C-alpha atoms as a PDB file:
ATOM      1  CA  MET A   1       0.000   0.000   0.000  1.00  0.00           C
ATOM      2  CA  GLU A   2       2.821   2.397   0.903  1.00  0.00           C
ATOM      3  CA  LYS A   3       4.535   1.700  -2.448  1.00  0.00           C
ATOM      4  CA  CYS A   4       1.316   2.552  -4.270  1.00  0.00           C
ATOM      5  CA  LEU A   5       1.079   5.860  -2.406  1.00  0.00           C
ATOM      6  CA  LYS A   6       4.692   6.721  -3.247  1.00  0.00           C
ATOM      7  CA  LEU A   7       4.111   5.822  -6.896  1.00  0.00           C
ATOM      8  CA  LEU A   8       0.935   7.921  -6.966  1.00  0.00           C
ATOM      9  CA  LEU A   9       2.811  10.854  -5.399  1.00  0.00           C
ATOM     10  CA  LEU A  10       5.566  10.545  -7.993  1.00  0.00           C
ATOM     11  CA  LEU A  11       3.038  10.452 -10.807  1.00  0.00           C
ATOM     12  CA  LEU A  12       1.334  13.551  -9.420  1.00  0.00           C
ATOM     13  CA  LEU A  13       4.661  15.357  -9.201  1.00  0.00           C
ATOM     14  CA  PHE A  14       5.493  14.424 -12.761  1.00  0.00           C
ATOM     15  CA  SER A  15       2.108  15.459 -14.118  1.00  0.00           C
ATOM     16  CA  ALA A  16       2.065  18.755 -12.176  1.00  0.00           C
ATOM     17  CA  GLY A  17       5.414  20.074 -13.265  1.00  0.00           C
ATOM     18  CA  ALA A  18       7.455  17.477 -15.037  1.00  0.00           C
ATOM     19  CA  LYS A  19       8.344  19.843 -17.834  1.00  0.00           C
ATOM     20  CA  ALA A  20      10.386  21.983 -15.462  1.00  0.00           C
ATOM     21  CA  GLN A  21      11.741  19.066 -13.418  1.00  0.00           C
ATOM     22  CA  LYS A  22      15.001  17.288 -14.164  1.00  0.00           C
ATOM     23  CA  VAL A  23      15.127  13.614 -13.223  1.00  0.00           C
ATOM     24  CA  GLY A  24      18.064  11.241 -13.243  1.00  0.00           C
ATOM     25  CA  TYR A  25      19.511   8.152 -11.620  1.00  0.00           C
ATOM     26  CA  VAL A  26      22.763   6.821 -10.270  1.00  0.00           C
ATOM     27  CA  ASP A  27      23.963   3.321  -9.476  1.00  0.00           C
ATOM     28  CA  THR A  28      25.416   3.486  -5.959  1.00  0.00           C
ATOM     29  CA  GLU A  29      26.410  -0.174  -6.059  1.00  0.00           C
ATOM     30  CA  PHE A  30      28.546   0.525  -9.133  1.00  0.00           C
ATOM     31  CA  ILE A  31      30.013   3.631  -7.479  1.00  0.00           C
ATOM     32  CA  LEU A  32      30.868   1.759  -4.272  1.00  0.00           C
ATOM     33  CA  ASN A  33      32.502  -1.059  -6.223  1.00  0.00           C
ATOM     34  CA  LYS A  34      34.696   1.514  -7.998  1.00  0.00           C
ATOM     35  CA  HIS A  35      35.862   3.083  -4.742  1.00  0.00           C
ATOM     36  CA  PRO A  36      39.177   1.673  -3.404  1.00  0.00           C
ATOM     37  CA  GLU A  37      38.055   2.025   0.238  1.00  0.00           C
ATOM     38  CA  TYR A  38      35.081  -0.258  -0.435  1.00  0.00           C
ATOM     39  CA  LYS A  39      37.335  -3.194  -1.362  1.00  0.00           C
ATOM     40  CA  GLN A  40      39.328  -2.705   1.850  1.00  0.00           C
ATOM     41  CA  ILE A  41      36.130  -2.599   3.902  1.00  0.00           C
ATOM     42  CA  GLN A  42      34.806  -5.723   2.173  1.00  0.00           C
ATOM     43  CA  ASP A  43      38.102  -7.543   2.840  1.00  0.00           C
ATOM     44  CA  GLU A  44      38.060  -6.538   6.508  1.00  0.00           C
ATOM     45  CA  LEU A  45      34.436  -7.634   6.892  1.00  0.00           C
ATOM     46  CA  GLN A  46      35.185 -10.927   5.114  1.00  0.00           C
ATOM     47  CA  ALA A  47      38.104 -11.656   7.454  1.00  0.00           C
ATOM     48  CA  LEU A  48      36.059 -10.786  10.524  1.00  0.00           C
ATOM     49  CA  GLY A  49      33.084 -12.826   9.300  1.00  0.00           C
ATOM     50  CA  ASP A  50      35.325 -15.815   8.544  1.00  0.00           C
ATOM     51  CA  GLU A  51      36.832 -15.629  12.027  1.00  0.00           C
ATOM     52  CA  TRP A  52      33.393 -15.590  13.651  1.00  0.00           C
ATOM     53  CA  LYS A  53      32.163 -18.396  11.389  1.00  0.00           C
ATOM     54  CA  LYS A  54      35.114 -20.524  12.506  1.00  0.00           C
ATOM     55  CA  GLU A  55      34.160 -19.906  16.131  1.00  0.00           C
ATOM     56  CA  ALA A  56      30.556 -20.908  15.371  1.00  0.00           C
ATOM     57  CA  GLN A  57      31.743 -24.043  13.547  1.00  0.00           C
ATOM     58  CA  LYS A  58      33.986 -24.915  16.488  1.00  0.00           C
ATOM     59  CA  LEU A  59      30.983 -24.720  18.810  1.00  0.00           C
ATOM     60  CA  GLU A  60      28.960 -26.892  16.418  1.00  0.00           C
ATOM     61  CA  SER A  61      31.797 -29.438  16.278  1.00  0.00           C
ATOM     62  CA  GLU A  62      31.967 -29.589  20.075  1.00  0.00           C
ATOM     63  CA  ILE A  63      28.224 -30.210  20.244  1.00  0.00           C
ATOM     64  CA  LYS A  64      28.427 -32.906  17.579  1.00  0.00           C
ATOM     65  CA  GLU A  65      31.300 -34.559  19.454  1.00  0.00           C
ATOM     66  CA  LEU A  66      29.292 -34.499  22.680  1.00  0.00           C
ATOM     67  CA  TYR A  67      26.365 -36.141  20.883  1.00  0.00           C
ATOM     68  CA  ASN A  68      28.675 -38.792  19.414  1.00  0.00           C
ATOM     69  CA  ASP A  69      30.218 -39.483  22.822  1.00  0.00           C
ATOM     70  CA  LEU A  70      26.769 -39.744  24.370  1.00  0.00           C
ATOM     71  CA  LYS A  71      25.608 -42.107  21.637  1.00  0.00           C
ATOM     72  CA  ALA A  72      28.692 -44.309  22.100  1.00  0.00           C
ATOM     73  CA  GLU A  73      28.298 -44.520  25.893  1.00  0.00           C
ATOM     74  CA  GLU A  74      24.509 -44.518  25.982  1.00  0.00           C
ATOM     75  CA  VAL A  75      24.163 -48.188  26.927  1.00  0.00           C
ATOM     76  CA  LEU A  76      26.603 -47.828  29.834  1.00  0.00           C
ATOM     77  CA  LEU A  77      24.934 -44.786  31.386  1.00  0.00           C
ATOM     78  CA  THR A  78      22.171 -44.691  33.945  1.00  0.00           C
ATOM     79  CA  GLU A  79      19.131 -42.654  33.061  1.00  0.00           C
ATOM     80  CA  GLU A  80      20.265 -39.928  35.462  1.00  0.00           C
ATOM     81  CA  MET A  81      23.755 -39.753  33.888  1.00  0.00           C
ATOM     82  CA  TYR A  82      22.222 -39.686  30.431  1.00  0.00           C
ATOM     83  CA  GLU A  83      19.941 -36.780  31.422  1.00  0.00           C
ATOM     84  CA  GLU A  84      22.886 -34.873  32.935  1.00  0.00           C
ATOM     85  CA  ARG A  85      24.928 -35.192  29.756  1.00  0.00           C
ATOM     86  CA  MET A  86      21.935 -34.298  27.628  1.00  0.00           C
ATOM     87  CA  ALA A  87      21.430 -31.164  29.768  1.00  0.00           C
ATOM     88  CA  VAL A  88      25.078 -30.209  29.175  1.00  0.00           C
ATOM     89  CA  ILE A  89      24.602 -30.665  25.424  1.00  0.00           C
ATOM     90  CA  LYS A  90      21.388 -28.607  25.427  1.00  0.00           C
ATOM     91  CA  GLU A  91      23.173 -25.863  27.355  1.00  0.00           C
ATOM     92  CA  LYS A  92      26.003 -25.871  24.773  1.00  0.00           C
ATOM     93  CA  GLU A  93      23.402 -25.665  21.981  1.00  0.00           C
ATOM     94  CA  LYS A  94      21.793 -22.650  23.674  1.00  0.00           C
ATOM     95  CA  ALA A  95      25.202 -21.004  23.997  1.00  0.00           C
ATOM     96  CA  ALA A  96      25.971 -21.666  20.314  1.00  0.00           C
ATOM     97  CA  THR A  97      22.622 -20.215  19.252  1.00  0.00           C
ATOM     98  CA  ALA A  98      23.152 -17.181  21.479  1.00  0.00           C
ATOM     99  CA  PHE A  99      26.612 -16.686  19.969  1.00  0.00           C
ATOM    100  CA  LYS A 100      25.244 -16.835  16.412  1.00  0.00           C
ATOM    101  CA  ASN A 101      22.471 -14.373  17.259  1.00  0.00           C
ATOM    102  CA  ARG A 102      24.861 -12.014  19.058  1.00  0.00           C
ATOM    103  CA  ILE A 103      27.270 -12.023  16.104  1.00  0.00           C
ATOM    104  CA  PHE A 104      25.154 -12.580  12.984  1.00  0.00           C
ATOM    105  CA  GLY A 105      21.703 -11.548  14.202  1.00  0.00           C
ATOM    106  CA  VAL A 106      19.706  -8.651  12.793  1.00  0.00           C
ATOM    107  CA  LYS A 107      21.498  -6.122  15.022  1.00  0.00           C
ATOM    108  CA  GLY A 108      24.474  -8.331  15.767  1.00  0.00           C
ATOM    109  CA  GLN A 109      28.118  -7.386  15.992  1.00  0.00           C
ATOM    110  CA  PHE A 110      28.758  -8.189  12.321  1.00  0.00           C
ATOM    111  CA  TYR A 111      25.960  -5.849  11.213  1.00  0.00           C
ATOM    112  CA  GLN A 112      27.193  -3.140  13.593  1.00  0.00           C
ATOM    113  CA  LYS A 113      30.769  -3.456  12.325  1.00  0.00           C
ATOM    114  CA  GLN A 114      29.553  -3.309   8.717  1.00  0.00           C
ATOM    115  CA  THR A 115      27.578  -0.159   9.459  1.00  0.00           C
ATOM    116  CA  GLU A 116      30.527   1.386  11.321  1.00  0.00           C
ATOM    117  CA  LEU A 117      32.932   0.724   8.453  1.00  0.00           C
ATOM    118  CA  LEU A 118      30.605   1.678   5.583  1.00  0.00           C
ATOM    119  CA  GLN A 119      29.090   4.837   7.084  1.00  0.00           C
ATOM    120  CA  PRO A 120      31.983   7.216   6.254  1.00  0.00           C
ATOM    121  CA  LEU A 121      32.212   5.928   2.664  1.00  0.00           C
ATOM    122  CA  GLN A 122      28.456   6.122   2.174  1.00  0.00           C
ATOM    123  CA  SER A 123      28.517   9.687   3.473  1.00  0.00           C
ATOM    124  CA  LYS A 124      31.204  10.599   0.918  1.00  0.00           C
ATOM    125  CA  VAL A 125      29.152   9.071  -1.903  1.00  0.00           C
ATOM    126  CA  TYR A 126      25.912  10.757  -0.827  1.00  0.00           C
ATOM    127  CA  ASP A 127      27.675  14.105  -0.421  1.00  0.00           C
ATOM    128  CA  ALA A 128      29.019  13.719  -3.983  1.00  0.00           C
ATOM    129  CA  ILE A 129      25.517  12.804  -5.189  1.00  0.00           C
ATOM    130  CA  ASP A 130      24.161  15.907  -3.472  1.00  0.00           C
ATOM    131  CA  ARG A 131      26.758  18.154  -5.144  1.00  0.00           C
ATOM    132  CA  VAL A 132      26.161  16.592  -8.600  1.00  0.00           C
ATOM    133  CA  SER A 133      22.381  16.922  -8.185  1.00  0.00           C
ATOM    134  CA  LYS A 134      22.630  20.582  -7.194  1.00  0.00           C
ATOM    135  CA  ARG A 135      25.147  21.417  -9.918  1.00  0.00           C
ATOM    136  CA  ASN A 136      22.935  19.800 -12.597  1.00  0.00           C
ATOM    137  CA  ASN A 137      19.654  21.198 -11.186  1.00  0.00           C
ATOM    138  CA  ILE A 138      18.185  17.734 -10.747  1.00  0.00           C
ATOM    139  CA  ALA A 139      14.812  17.610  -9.008  1.00  0.00           C
ATOM    140  CA  MET A 140      14.775  13.860  -8.429  1.00  0.00           C
ATOM    141  CA  LEU A 141      17.573  11.338  -8.583  1.00  0.00           C
ATOM    142  CA  PHE A 142      16.851   7.648  -8.205  1.00  0.00           C
ATOM    143  CA  ASP A 143      19.262   4.982  -7.040  1.00  0.00           C
ATOM    144  CA  LYS A 144      19.282   2.161  -9.549  1.00  0.00           C
ATOM    145  CA  ALA A 145      20.848  -0.186  -6.963  1.00  0.00           C
ATOM    146  CA  SER A 146      18.291   0.407  -4.207  1.00  0.00           C
ATOM    147  CA  SER A 147      15.551  -1.790  -5.586  1.00  0.00           C
ATOM    148  CA  PRO A 148      15.259  -3.776  -8.805  1.00  0.00           C
ATOM    149  CA  THR A 149      11.650  -2.673  -9.211  1.00  0.00           C
ATOM    150  CA  ALA A 150      12.294   1.022  -8.546  1.00  0.00           C
ATOM    151  CA  ILE A 151      13.255   1.715 -12.168  1.00  0.00           C
ATOM    152  CA  ILE A 152      11.786  -0.277 -15.025  1.00  0.00           C
ATOM    153  CA  TYR A 153      13.395   1.679 -17.833  1.00  0.00           C
ATOM    154  CA  THR A 154      16.361   3.985 -17.827  1.00  0.00           C
ATOM    155  CA  ASP A 155      17.574   6.271 -20.538  1.00  0.00           C
ATOM    156  CA  PRO A 156      21.393   6.402 -20.340  1.00  0.00           C
ATOM    157  CA  ARG A 157      21.404  10.153 -20.887  1.00  0.00           C
ATOM    158  CA  HIS A 158      19.870  10.503 -17.395  1.00  0.00           C
ATOM    159  CA  ASP A 159      22.587   8.384 -15.737  1.00  0.00           C
ATOM    160  CA  TYR A 160      24.655  10.609 -13.487  1.00  0.00           C
ATOM    161  CA  THR A 161      26.815   7.789 -12.077  1.00  0.00           C
ATOM    162  CA  GLU A 162      29.877   8.964 -14.029  1.00  0.00           C
ATOM    163  CA  PHE A 163      29.489  12.493 -12.674  1.00  0.00           C
ATOM    164  CA  VAL A 164      29.450  11.162  -9.111  1.00  0.00           C
ATOM    165  CA  LEU A 165      32.535   9.011  -9.808  1.00  0.00           C
ATOM    166  CA  GLU A 166      34.225  12.110 -11.235  1.00  0.00           C
ATOM    167  CA  GLU A 167      33.168  14.138  -8.188  1.00  0.00           C
ATOM    168  CA  LEU A 168      34.793  11.516  -5.951  1.00  0.00           C
ATOM    169  CA  GLY A 169      37.937  11.617  -8.071  1.00  0.00           C
ATOM    170  CA  LEU A 170      37.439   8.079  -9.372  1.00  0.00           C
ATOM    171  CA  GLU A 171      37.781   7.199 -13.028  1.00  0.00           C
ATOM    172  CA  ASP A 172      35.834   4.508 -14.859  1.00  0.00           C
ATOM    173  CA  GLU A 173      38.461   1.908 -15.797  1.00  0.00           C
ATOM    174  CA  ASN A 174      36.268   0.556 -18.636  1.00  0.00           C
ATOM    175  CA  GLU A 175      36.864   3.633 -20.742  1.00  0.00           C
END
């Protein structure tokens, strides 16, 4: 419903004064991939994520080993001993789940680190977008990378990605 309202508002804006309005788009994903800092951030996040994944896998391996040990000794254990070991395993499983949620959850440490590292770069890109938009008198500028359904057709003459790259001092290596 909210998307329909936004679309209706855009259509009204276009019909009311589209002749005087300049519209364009940029591809922030393309811009970020061109920026040398982005690669460094991605590498740092990859290394950190790999380290945390190894810790999670280690916990999973410990739990699996405990289950295997329990299975192997099951016939020798009293019911009380079996329940005690099972409680230890369940506690380890809870700890592993808590670790995964704390690290990789919606607002986990990985997400927070990603936000912390990307925020300065994103600010640079959006400041450059702001300057390009003002310099070119653009009324609306869409981000091609934000949603695949946001733009159904794009005319390349309205693509201001190169201007933003230029504003950031980055050159397109394909040219």
